[in-house]
């Protein structure tokens, strides 16, 4: 009897699963369950809803994030983390957007195995600023891998770094 109830619940859950709920769930996972993202103070900023959702990462300058104390420069590891985080998140969100509703439950099962395969960071100038913003866009998406271009700017629009990341879709 319990198995029948579970199967009905699973079927009911897949009927109510939609793009907007799944995107919100993934953003919440990155924001609320990844301690390192919280430690850094990453702010997940969304615009639009559902299939129109766009996301960026924002980070206010903090002395604890200093890479060069003589020049008050953002640590390169923080830069790389922001680029990797936004690249992975945008890869998943864009995959959700491109998945037919009837296949969202299958994608949801694959979420825990998604991750970074490779990433390159090019540091263009010292990370000076009071607020940093990371954005990403998909360069290519296949059935198993997504290639993403990520950028980090400061509040003045100075281009601090860019990255190219490859992310496995599970």
N, C-alpha and C. Protein backbone atom coordinates (compact mmCIF):
# COMPACT_ATOMS: atom_id res chain seq x y z
N UNK A 1 0.82 -1.19 0.00
CA UNK A 1 0.00 0.00 0.00
C UNK A 1 0.86 1.25 0.00
N UNK A 2 1.92 1.25 0.79
CA UNK A 2 2.80 2.40 0.84
C UNK A 2 3.41 2.69 -0.51
N UNK A 3 3.78 1.63 -1.27
CA UNK A 3 4.38 1.84 -2.58
C UNK A 3 3.41 2.52 -3.53
N UNK A 4 2.14 2.14 -3.46
CA UNK A 4 1.14 2.77 -4.32
C UNK A 4 1.01 4.25 -3.99
N UNK A 5 1.01 4.58 -2.71
CA UNK A 5 0.91 5.98 -2.30
C UNK A 5 2.12 6.76 -2.80
N UNK A 6 3.30 6.17 -2.67
CA UNK A 6 4.52 6.82 -3.13
C UNK A 6 4.48 7.05 -4.62
N UNK A 7 4.08 6.04 -5.38
CA UNK A 7 3.99 6.18 -6.83
C UNK A 7 2.99 7.26 -7.23
N UNK A 8 1.87 7.33 -6.54
CA UNK A 8 0.88 8.37 -6.83
C UNK A 8 1.46 9.74 -6.51
N UNK A 9 2.15 9.84 -5.37
CA UNK A 9 2.76 11.11 -4.99
C UNK A 9 3.80 11.54 -6.03
N UNK A 10 4.60 10.60 -6.51
CA UNK A 10 5.61 10.92 -7.52
C UNK A 10 4.94 11.39 -8.80
N UNK A 11 3.88 10.70 -9.20
CA UNK A 11 3.17 11.10 -10.42
C UNK A 11 2.56 12.48 -10.25
N UNK A 12 1.98 12.73 -9.08
CA UNK A 12 1.38 14.02 -8.81
C UNK A 12 2.46 15.11 -8.84
N UNK A 13 3.62 14.82 -8.24
CA UNK A 13 4.72 15.79 -8.22
C UNK A 13 5.20 16.14 -9.61
N UNK A 14 5.30 15.15 -10.50
CA UNK A 14 5.77 15.43 -11.85
C UNK A 14 4.74 16.22 -12.65
N UNK A 15 3.45 16.08 -12.29
CA UNK A 15 2.41 16.86 -12.96
C UNK A 15 2.52 18.33 -12.60
N UNK A 16 2.92 18.64 -11.36
CA UNK A 16 2.97 20.02 -10.91
C UNK A 16 4.34 20.66 -11.16
N UNK A 17 5.34 19.87 -11.50
CA UNK A 17 6.68 20.39 -11.76
C UNK A 17 6.64 21.25 -13.02
N UNK A 18 7.14 22.48 -12.90
CA UNK A 18 7.20 23.34 -14.07
C UNK A 18 8.54 24.07 -14.10
N UNK A 19 8.79 24.77 -15.18
CA UNK A 19 10.08 25.44 -15.37
C UNK A 19 10.37 26.45 -14.25
N UNK A 20 9.39 27.26 -13.92
CA UNK A 20 9.60 28.29 -12.92
C UNK A 20 9.95 27.70 -11.55
N UNK A 21 9.21 26.68 -11.12
CA UNK A 21 9.51 26.05 -9.83
C UNK A 21 10.89 25.41 -9.82
N UNK A 22 11.25 24.76 -10.91
CA UNK A 22 12.54 24.09 -10.97
C UNK A 22 13.69 25.11 -10.97
N UNK A 23 13.54 26.20 -11.70
CA UNK A 23 14.57 27.25 -11.71
C UNK A 23 14.73 27.85 -10.32
N UNK A 24 13.63 28.15 -9.66
CA UNK A 24 13.69 28.69 -8.29
C UNK A 24 14.37 27.71 -7.34
N UNK A 25 14.08 26.42 -7.51
CA UNK A 25 14.67 25.38 -6.66
C UNK A 25 16.19 25.33 -6.85
N UNK A 26 16.65 25.39 -8.09
CA UNK A 26 18.09 25.32 -8.36
C UNK A 26 18.81 26.55 -7.80
N UNK A 27 18.22 27.72 -7.99
CA UNK A 27 18.83 28.94 -7.44
C UNK A 27 18.91 28.84 -5.92
N UNK A 28 17.85 28.34 -5.29
CA UNK A 28 17.85 28.18 -3.83
C UNK A 28 18.93 27.19 -3.39
N UNK A 29 19.14 26.12 -4.16
CA UNK A 29 20.20 25.16 -3.81
C UNK A 29 21.57 25.85 -3.79
N UNK A 30 21.87 26.61 -4.84
CA UNK A 30 23.15 27.32 -4.91
C UNK A 30 23.27 28.36 -3.81
N UNK A 31 22.19 29.05 -3.52
CA UNK A 31 22.20 30.14 -2.53
C UNK A 31 22.18 29.63 -1.09
N UNK A 32 21.34 28.64 -0.81
CA UNK A 32 21.04 28.28 0.57
C UNK A 32 21.75 27.03 1.09
N UNK A 33 22.27 26.17 0.19
CA UNK A 33 22.84 24.92 0.68
C UNK A 33 24.33 24.77 0.38
N UNK A 34 24.94 25.79 -0.21
CA UNK A 34 26.38 25.74 -0.47
C UNK A 34 27.09 26.69 0.49
N UNK A 35 27.66 26.15 1.56
CA UNK A 35 28.24 26.99 2.61
C UNK A 35 29.30 27.97 2.10
N UNK A 36 30.10 27.58 1.11
CA UNK A 36 31.15 28.48 0.63
C UNK A 36 30.55 29.72 -0.03
N UNK A 37 29.47 29.54 -0.77
CA UNK A 37 28.79 30.69 -1.38
C UNK A 37 28.28 31.64 -0.30
N UNK A 38 27.77 31.07 0.79
CA UNK A 38 27.29 31.89 1.91
C UNK A 38 28.45 32.57 2.62
N UNK A 39 29.55 31.86 2.81
CA UNK A 39 30.73 32.43 3.47
C UNK A 39 31.25 33.65 2.72
N UNK A 40 31.26 33.56 1.40
CA UNK A 40 31.73 34.69 0.60
C UNK A 40 30.74 35.85 0.61
N UNK A 41 29.48 35.56 0.84
CA UNK A 41 28.46 36.60 0.81
C UNK A 41 27.88 36.83 -0.58
N UNK A 42 27.89 35.78 -1.43
CA UNK A 42 27.37 35.92 -2.78
C UNK A 42 25.87 36.22 -2.74
N UNK A 43 25.47 37.19 -3.54
CA UNK A 43 24.06 37.57 -3.67
C UNK A 43 23.57 37.12 -5.04
N UNK A 44 22.52 36.32 -5.05
CA UNK A 44 21.96 35.79 -6.29
C UNK A 44 20.82 36.71 -6.73
N UNK A 45 21.04 37.41 -7.84
CA UNK A 45 20.09 38.42 -8.30
C UNK A 45 19.41 37.91 -9.57
N UNK A 46 18.07 37.85 -9.51
CA UNK A 46 17.32 37.39 -10.68
C UNK A 46 16.49 38.53 -11.25
N UNK A 47 16.30 38.45 -12.56
CA UNK A 47 15.38 39.34 -13.26
C UNK A 47 14.48 38.46 -14.10
N UNK A 48 13.20 38.80 -14.15
CA UNK A 48 12.25 38.01 -14.91
C UNK A 48 11.82 36.78 -14.13
N UNK A 49 10.89 36.04 -14.72
CA UNK A 49 10.39 34.82 -14.09
C UNK A 49 10.24 33.72 -15.12
N UNK A 50 10.20 32.49 -14.64
CA UNK A 50 10.00 31.35 -15.52
C UNK A 50 11.04 31.29 -16.62
N UNK A 51 10.59 31.15 -17.86
CA UNK A 51 11.50 31.03 -19.00
C UNK A 51 12.26 32.32 -19.28
N UNK A 52 11.83 33.43 -18.69
CA UNK A 52 12.52 34.72 -18.87
C UNK A 52 13.54 35.00 -17.77
N UNK A 53 13.73 34.08 -16.85
CA UNK A 53 14.64 34.29 -15.73
C UNK A 53 16.07 34.50 -16.21
N UNK A 54 16.67 35.58 -15.74
CA UNK A 54 18.10 35.85 -15.94
C UNK A 54 18.71 35.98 -14.55
N UNK A 55 19.94 35.50 -14.39
CA UNK A 55 20.56 35.53 -13.07
C UNK A 55 21.97 36.07 -13.16
N UNK A 56 22.37 36.79 -12.11
CA UNK A 56 23.75 37.26 -11.98
C UNK A 56 24.14 37.12 -10.51
N UNK A 57 25.43 37.13 -10.27
CA UNK A 57 25.95 37.08 -8.90
C UNK A 57 26.53 38.44 -8.56
N UNK A 58 26.24 38.90 -7.35
CA UNK A 58 26.77 40.17 -6.88
C UNK A 58 27.54 39.92 -5.59
N UNK A 59 28.58 40.69 -5.40
CA UNK A 59 29.40 40.55 -4.20
C UNK A 59 29.93 41.92 -3.81
N UNK A 60 29.67 42.32 -2.57
CA UNK A 60 30.22 43.57 -2.06
C UNK A 60 31.64 43.33 -1.56
N UNK A 61 32.48 44.32 -1.75
CA UNK A 61 33.86 44.25 -1.27
C UNK A 61 33.86 44.02 0.25
N UNK A 62 34.74 43.12 0.68
CA UNK A 62 34.96 42.86 2.10
C UNK A 62 36.46 42.71 2.30
N UNK A 63 37.02 43.28 3.34
CA UNK A 63 38.46 43.14 3.58
C UNK A 63 38.92 41.68 3.66
N UNK A 64 38.06 40.78 4.12
CA UNK A 64 38.43 39.36 4.23
C UNK A 64 38.65 38.71 2.86
N UNK A 65 38.24 39.36 1.77
CA UNK A 65 38.38 38.80 0.43
C UNK A 65 39.60 39.35 -0.30
N UNK A 66 40.48 40.01 0.44
CA UNK A 66 41.67 40.64 -0.14
C UNK A 66 42.68 39.60 -0.61
N UNK A 67 43.16 39.81 -1.83
CA UNK A 67 44.23 38.97 -2.36
C UNK A 67 45.57 39.67 -2.27
N UNK A 68 45.57 40.99 -2.37
CA UNK A 68 46.78 41.78 -2.25
C UNK A 68 46.49 42.92 -1.29
N UNK A 69 46.93 42.79 -0.02
CA UNK A 69 46.59 43.79 0.99
C UNK A 69 47.20 45.18 0.73
N UNK A 70 48.27 45.21 -0.03
CA UNK A 70 48.90 46.50 -0.33
C UNK A 70 48.06 47.32 -1.29
N UNK A 71 47.28 46.64 -2.13
CA UNK A 71 46.53 47.35 -3.15
C UNK A 71 45.01 47.19 -3.03
N UNK A 72 44.54 46.47 -2.01
CA UNK A 72 43.10 46.24 -1.81
C UNK A 72 42.48 45.64 -3.08
N UNK A 73 43.01 44.47 -3.45
CA UNK A 73 42.57 43.78 -4.66
C UNK A 73 41.86 42.49 -4.27
N UNK A 74 40.77 42.21 -4.97
CA UNK A 74 40.00 40.98 -4.75
C UNK A 74 40.88 39.76 -5.01
N UNK A 75 40.81 38.78 -4.14
CA UNK A 75 41.58 37.55 -4.27
C UNK A 75 41.17 36.82 -5.55
N UNK A 76 42.15 36.30 -6.27
CA UNK A 76 41.88 35.58 -7.52
C UNK A 76 41.00 34.36 -7.33
N UNK A 77 41.07 33.73 -6.17
CA UNK A 77 40.21 32.58 -5.88
C UNK A 77 38.75 32.98 -5.76
N UNK A 78 38.50 34.18 -5.26
CA UNK A 78 37.13 34.68 -5.17
C UNK A 78 36.60 34.95 -6.58
N UNK A 79 37.45 35.54 -7.41
CA UNK A 79 37.09 35.78 -8.81
C UNK A 79 36.73 34.46 -9.49
N UNK A 80 37.59 33.47 -9.36
CA UNK A 80 37.36 32.16 -9.99
C UNK A 80 36.09 31.51 -9.45
N UNK A 81 35.85 31.62 -8.15
CA UNK A 81 34.65 31.05 -7.55
C UNK A 81 33.39 31.69 -8.11
N UNK A 82 33.40 33.01 -8.22
CA UNK A 82 32.22 33.70 -8.77
C UNK A 82 31.97 33.26 -10.21
N UNK A 83 33.03 33.16 -11.01
CA UNK A 83 32.86 32.75 -12.40
C UNK A 83 32.36 31.31 -12.50
N UNK A 84 32.92 30.42 -11.71
CA UNK A 84 32.51 29.02 -11.74
C UNK A 84 31.06 28.87 -11.27
N UNK A 85 30.71 29.57 -10.22
CA UNK A 85 29.35 29.47 -9.68
C UNK A 85 28.32 29.97 -10.68
N UNK A 86 28.56 31.13 -11.28
CA UNK A 86 27.58 31.65 -12.24
C UNK A 86 27.56 30.79 -13.50
N UNK A 87 28.70 30.26 -13.91
CA UNK A 87 28.73 29.39 -15.08
C UNK A 87 27.93 28.12 -14.87
N UNK A 88 28.10 27.50 -13.73
CA UNK A 88 27.34 26.28 -13.42
C UNK A 88 25.86 26.55 -13.28
N UNK A 89 25.54 27.63 -12.60
CA UNK A 89 24.13 27.96 -12.38
C UNK A 89 23.42 28.29 -13.70
N UNK A 90 24.04 29.11 -14.52
CA UNK A 90 23.42 29.47 -15.81
C UNK A 90 23.32 28.24 -16.71
N UNK A 91 24.30 27.36 -16.66
CA UNK A 91 24.23 26.12 -17.46
C UNK A 91 23.00 25.31 -17.08
N UNK A 92 22.76 25.18 -15.80
CA UNK A 92 21.60 24.40 -15.34
C UNK A 92 20.30 25.13 -15.67
N UNK A 93 20.23 26.43 -15.38
CA UNK A 93 19.00 27.18 -15.63
C UNK A 93 18.64 27.17 -17.11
N UNK A 94 19.63 27.37 -17.98
CA UNK A 94 19.35 27.38 -19.42
C UNK A 94 18.94 25.98 -19.90
N UNK A 95 19.51 24.95 -19.30
CA UNK A 95 19.10 23.58 -19.64
C UNK A 95 17.65 23.36 -19.23
N UNK A 96 17.27 23.83 -18.05
CA UNK A 96 15.87 23.72 -17.62
C UNK A 96 14.96 24.42 -18.62
N UNK A 97 15.33 25.63 -19.02
CA UNK A 97 14.50 26.40 -19.96
C UNK A 97 14.30 25.66 -21.28
N UNK A 98 15.33 24.93 -21.72
CA UNK A 98 15.27 24.26 -23.02
C UNK A 98 14.69 22.84 -22.94
N UNK A 99 14.33 22.42 -21.75
CA UNK A 99 13.79 21.06 -21.56
C UNK A 99 12.26 21.11 -21.63
N UNK A 100 11.69 20.22 -22.40
CA UNK A 100 10.23 20.13 -22.49
C UNK A 100 9.67 19.79 -21.11
N UNK A 101 8.52 20.35 -20.80
CA UNK A 101 7.92 20.16 -19.48
C UNK A 101 7.80 18.68 -19.10
N UNK A 102 7.45 17.83 -20.06
CA UNK A 102 7.27 16.41 -19.75
C UNK A 102 8.58 15.71 -19.41
N UNK A 103 9.73 16.36 -19.66
CA UNK A 103 11.03 15.77 -19.34
C UNK A 103 11.71 16.42 -18.13
N UNK A 104 11.04 17.37 -17.48
CA UNK A 104 11.63 18.05 -16.32
C UNK A 104 11.91 17.10 -15.17
N UNK A 105 11.05 16.13 -14.94
CA UNK A 105 11.27 15.18 -13.84
C UNK A 105 12.55 14.38 -14.07
N UNK A 106 12.81 13.99 -15.32
CA UNK A 106 14.05 13.27 -15.64
C UNK A 106 15.26 14.16 -15.38
N UNK A 107 15.16 15.41 -15.77
CA UNK A 107 16.26 16.36 -15.54
C UNK A 107 16.48 16.57 -14.04
N UNK A 108 15.42 16.65 -13.29
CA UNK A 108 15.52 16.84 -11.85
C UNK A 108 16.30 15.71 -11.18
N UNK A 109 16.11 14.48 -11.67
CA UNK A 109 16.83 13.33 -11.13
C UNK A 109 18.33 13.46 -11.42
N UNK A 110 18.69 14.08 -12.54
CA UNK A 110 20.10 14.22 -12.93
C UNK A 110 20.80 15.39 -12.24
N UNK A 111 20.06 16.30 -11.64
CA UNK A 111 20.66 17.50 -11.03
C UNK A 111 21.83 17.21 -10.07
N UNK A 112 21.71 16.23 -9.18
CA UNK A 112 22.80 16.01 -8.22
C UNK A 112 24.14 15.62 -8.87
N UNK A 113 24.13 15.15 -10.11
CA UNK A 113 25.38 14.73 -10.74
C UNK A 113 25.94 15.78 -11.69
N UNK A 114 25.33 16.94 -11.74
CA UNK A 114 25.84 18.01 -12.60
C UNK A 114 27.03 18.68 -11.91
N UNK A 115 28.03 19.10 -12.71
CA UNK A 115 29.19 19.75 -12.11
C UNK A 115 30.16 20.28 -13.13
N UNK A 116 31.20 20.92 -12.64
CA UNK A 116 32.23 21.51 -13.48
C UNK A 116 33.18 20.44 -13.98
N UNK A 117 33.43 20.45 -15.29
CA UNK A 117 34.38 19.53 -15.91
C UNK A 117 35.72 20.25 -16.12
N UNK A 118 35.65 21.50 -16.57
CA UNK A 118 36.87 22.25 -16.86
C UNK A 118 36.55 23.74 -16.80
N UNK A 119 37.53 24.54 -16.39
CA UNK A 119 37.34 25.98 -16.36
C UNK A 119 38.67 26.69 -16.55
N UNK A 120 38.62 27.75 -17.32
CA UNK A 120 39.79 28.60 -17.53
C UNK A 120 39.40 30.01 -17.13
N UNK A 121 40.30 30.70 -16.41
CA UNK A 121 40.05 32.08 -16.01
C UNK A 121 41.16 32.95 -16.58
N UNK A 122 40.77 34.04 -17.22
CA UNK A 122 41.71 35.06 -17.68
C UNK A 122 41.48 36.31 -16.83
N UNK A 123 42.51 36.67 -16.08
CA UNK A 123 42.45 37.86 -15.22
C UNK A 123 42.91 39.05 -16.06
N UNK A 124 42.01 39.98 -16.30
CA UNK A 124 42.30 41.08 -17.21
C UNK A 124 42.89 42.30 -16.52
N UNK A 125 42.48 42.53 -15.30
CA UNK A 125 43.02 43.66 -14.52
C UNK A 125 42.81 43.35 -13.04
N UNK A 126 43.51 44.06 -12.18
CA UNK A 126 43.34 43.82 -10.74
C UNK A 126 41.88 44.02 -10.32
N UNK A 127 41.45 43.20 -9.40
CA UNK A 127 40.06 43.23 -8.93
C UNK A 127 39.81 44.34 -7.94
N UNK A 128 39.79 45.56 -8.43
CA UNK A 128 39.49 46.71 -7.58
C UNK A 128 38.02 47.09 -7.75
N UNK A 129 37.38 47.46 -6.64
CA UNK A 129 36.00 47.89 -6.70
C UNK A 129 35.31 47.73 -5.37
N UNK A 130 34.10 48.22 -5.33
CA UNK A 130 33.27 48.11 -4.13
C UNK A 130 32.19 47.06 -4.28
N UNK A 131 31.86 46.74 -5.53
CA UNK A 131 30.84 45.73 -5.82
C UNK A 131 31.22 45.03 -7.11
N UNK A 132 31.08 43.72 -7.10
CA UNK A 132 31.46 42.91 -8.25
C UNK A 132 30.22 42.15 -8.75
N UNK A 133 30.12 42.04 -10.09
CA UNK A 133 28.97 41.38 -10.71
C UNK A 133 29.48 40.33 -11.70
N UNK A 134 29.02 39.10 -11.54
CA UNK A 134 29.37 38.01 -12.45
C UNK A 134 28.14 37.63 -13.28
N UNK A 135 28.36 37.48 -14.58
CA UNK A 135 27.30 37.07 -15.50
C UNK A 135 27.83 35.94 -16.36
N UNK A 136 26.92 35.24 -17.03
CA UNK A 136 27.33 34.14 -17.90
C UNK A 136 26.36 33.98 -19.05
N UNK A 137 26.87 33.40 -20.11
CA UNK A 137 26.02 33.05 -21.25
C UNK A 137 26.50 31.73 -21.83
N UNK A 138 25.59 31.00 -22.43
CA UNK A 138 25.90 29.71 -23.03
C UNK A 138 26.55 29.93 -24.39
N UNK A 139 27.67 29.27 -24.60
CA UNK A 139 28.32 29.27 -25.92
C UNK A 139 27.81 28.09 -26.73
N UNK A 140 27.75 26.93 -26.09
CA UNK A 140 27.28 25.71 -26.77
C UNK A 140 26.67 24.78 -25.74
N UNK A 141 25.56 24.16 -26.13
CA UNK A 141 24.91 23.19 -25.25
C UNK A 141 24.67 21.91 -26.04
N UNK A 142 25.18 20.81 -25.49
CA UNK A 142 24.91 19.50 -26.06
C UNK A 142 24.03 18.71 -25.11
N UNK A 143 23.92 17.42 -25.34
CA UNK A 143 23.07 16.60 -24.48
C UNK A 143 23.74 16.28 -23.15
N UNK A 144 25.07 16.30 -23.10
CA UNK A 144 25.80 15.96 -21.87
C UNK A 144 26.63 17.11 -21.30
N UNK A 145 27.07 18.04 -22.16
CA UNK A 145 27.95 19.12 -21.73
C UNK A 145 27.41 20.48 -22.17
N UNK A 146 27.73 21.50 -21.35
CA UNK A 146 27.44 22.88 -21.69
C UNK A 146 28.74 23.66 -21.58
N UNK A 147 29.00 24.51 -22.56
CA UNK A 147 30.16 25.41 -22.52
C UNK A 147 29.63 26.81 -22.31
N UNK A 148 30.22 27.49 -21.34
CA UNK A 148 29.72 28.79 -20.90
C UNK A 148 30.84 29.82 -20.92
N UNK A 149 30.48 31.06 -21.20
CA UNK A 149 31.42 32.19 -21.07
C UNK A 149 30.93 33.02 -19.89
N UNK A 150 31.84 33.29 -18.97
CA UNK A 150 31.50 34.04 -17.77
C UNK A 150 32.33 35.32 -17.72
N UNK A 151 31.76 36.39 -17.14
CA UNK A 151 32.48 37.66 -17.01
C UNK A 151 32.28 38.21 -15.61
N UNK A 152 33.32 38.91 -15.13
CA UNK A 152 33.25 39.61 -13.84
C UNK A 152 33.59 41.07 -14.07
N UNK A 153 32.70 41.93 -13.62
CA UNK A 153 32.89 43.39 -13.72
C UNK A 153 32.75 44.00 -12.33
N UNK A 154 33.31 45.19 -12.16
CA UNK A 154 33.07 45.93 -10.92
C UNK A 154 31.91 46.90 -11.14
N UNK A 155 31.61 47.68 -10.12
CA UNK A 155 30.46 48.59 -10.18
C UNK A 155 30.62 49.69 -11.23
N UNK A 156 31.84 49.95 -11.67
CA UNK A 156 32.09 50.95 -12.71
C UNK A 156 31.99 50.36 -14.12
N UNK A 157 31.83 49.04 -14.18
CA UNK A 157 31.77 48.37 -15.48
C UNK A 157 33.13 47.91 -15.98
N UNK A 158 34.18 48.08 -15.16
CA UNK A 158 35.51 47.60 -15.54
C UNK A 158 35.49 46.08 -15.62
N UNK A 159 36.01 45.55 -16.70
CA UNK A 159 36.04 44.11 -16.92
C UNK A 159 37.24 43.54 -16.16
N UNK A 160 36.98 42.82 -15.08
CA UNK A 160 38.03 42.30 -14.20
C UNK A 160 38.58 40.97 -14.74
N UNK A 161 37.69 40.08 -15.14
CA UNK A 161 38.11 38.76 -15.60
C UNK A 161 37.02 38.14 -16.44
N UNK A 162 37.42 37.16 -17.24
CA UNK A 162 36.43 36.32 -17.91
C UNK A 162 36.87 34.89 -17.82
N UNK A 163 35.95 34.01 -18.00
CA UNK A 163 36.25 32.59 -17.90
C UNK A 163 35.47 31.82 -18.93
N UNK A 164 35.95 30.63 -19.22
CA UNK A 164 35.23 29.69 -20.05
C UNK A 164 35.13 28.40 -19.24
N UNK A 165 33.91 27.92 -19.10
CA UNK A 165 33.70 26.72 -18.30
C UNK A 165 32.94 25.66 -19.07
N UNK A 166 33.27 24.41 -18.77
CA UNK A 166 32.53 23.29 -19.33
C UNK A 166 31.86 22.57 -18.16
N UNK A 167 30.56 22.36 -18.30
CA UNK A 167 29.75 21.80 -17.21
C UNK A 167 29.03 20.55 -17.69
N UNK A 168 29.10 19.50 -16.86
CA UNK A 168 28.45 18.23 -17.17
C UNK A 168 26.99 18.32 -16.73
N UNK A 169 26.11 17.81 -17.57
CA UNK A 169 24.68 17.85 -17.28
C UNK A 169 24.16 16.58 -16.61
N UNK A 170 25.04 15.75 -16.17
CA UNK A 170 24.61 14.55 -15.43
C UNK A 170 24.49 13.32 -16.30
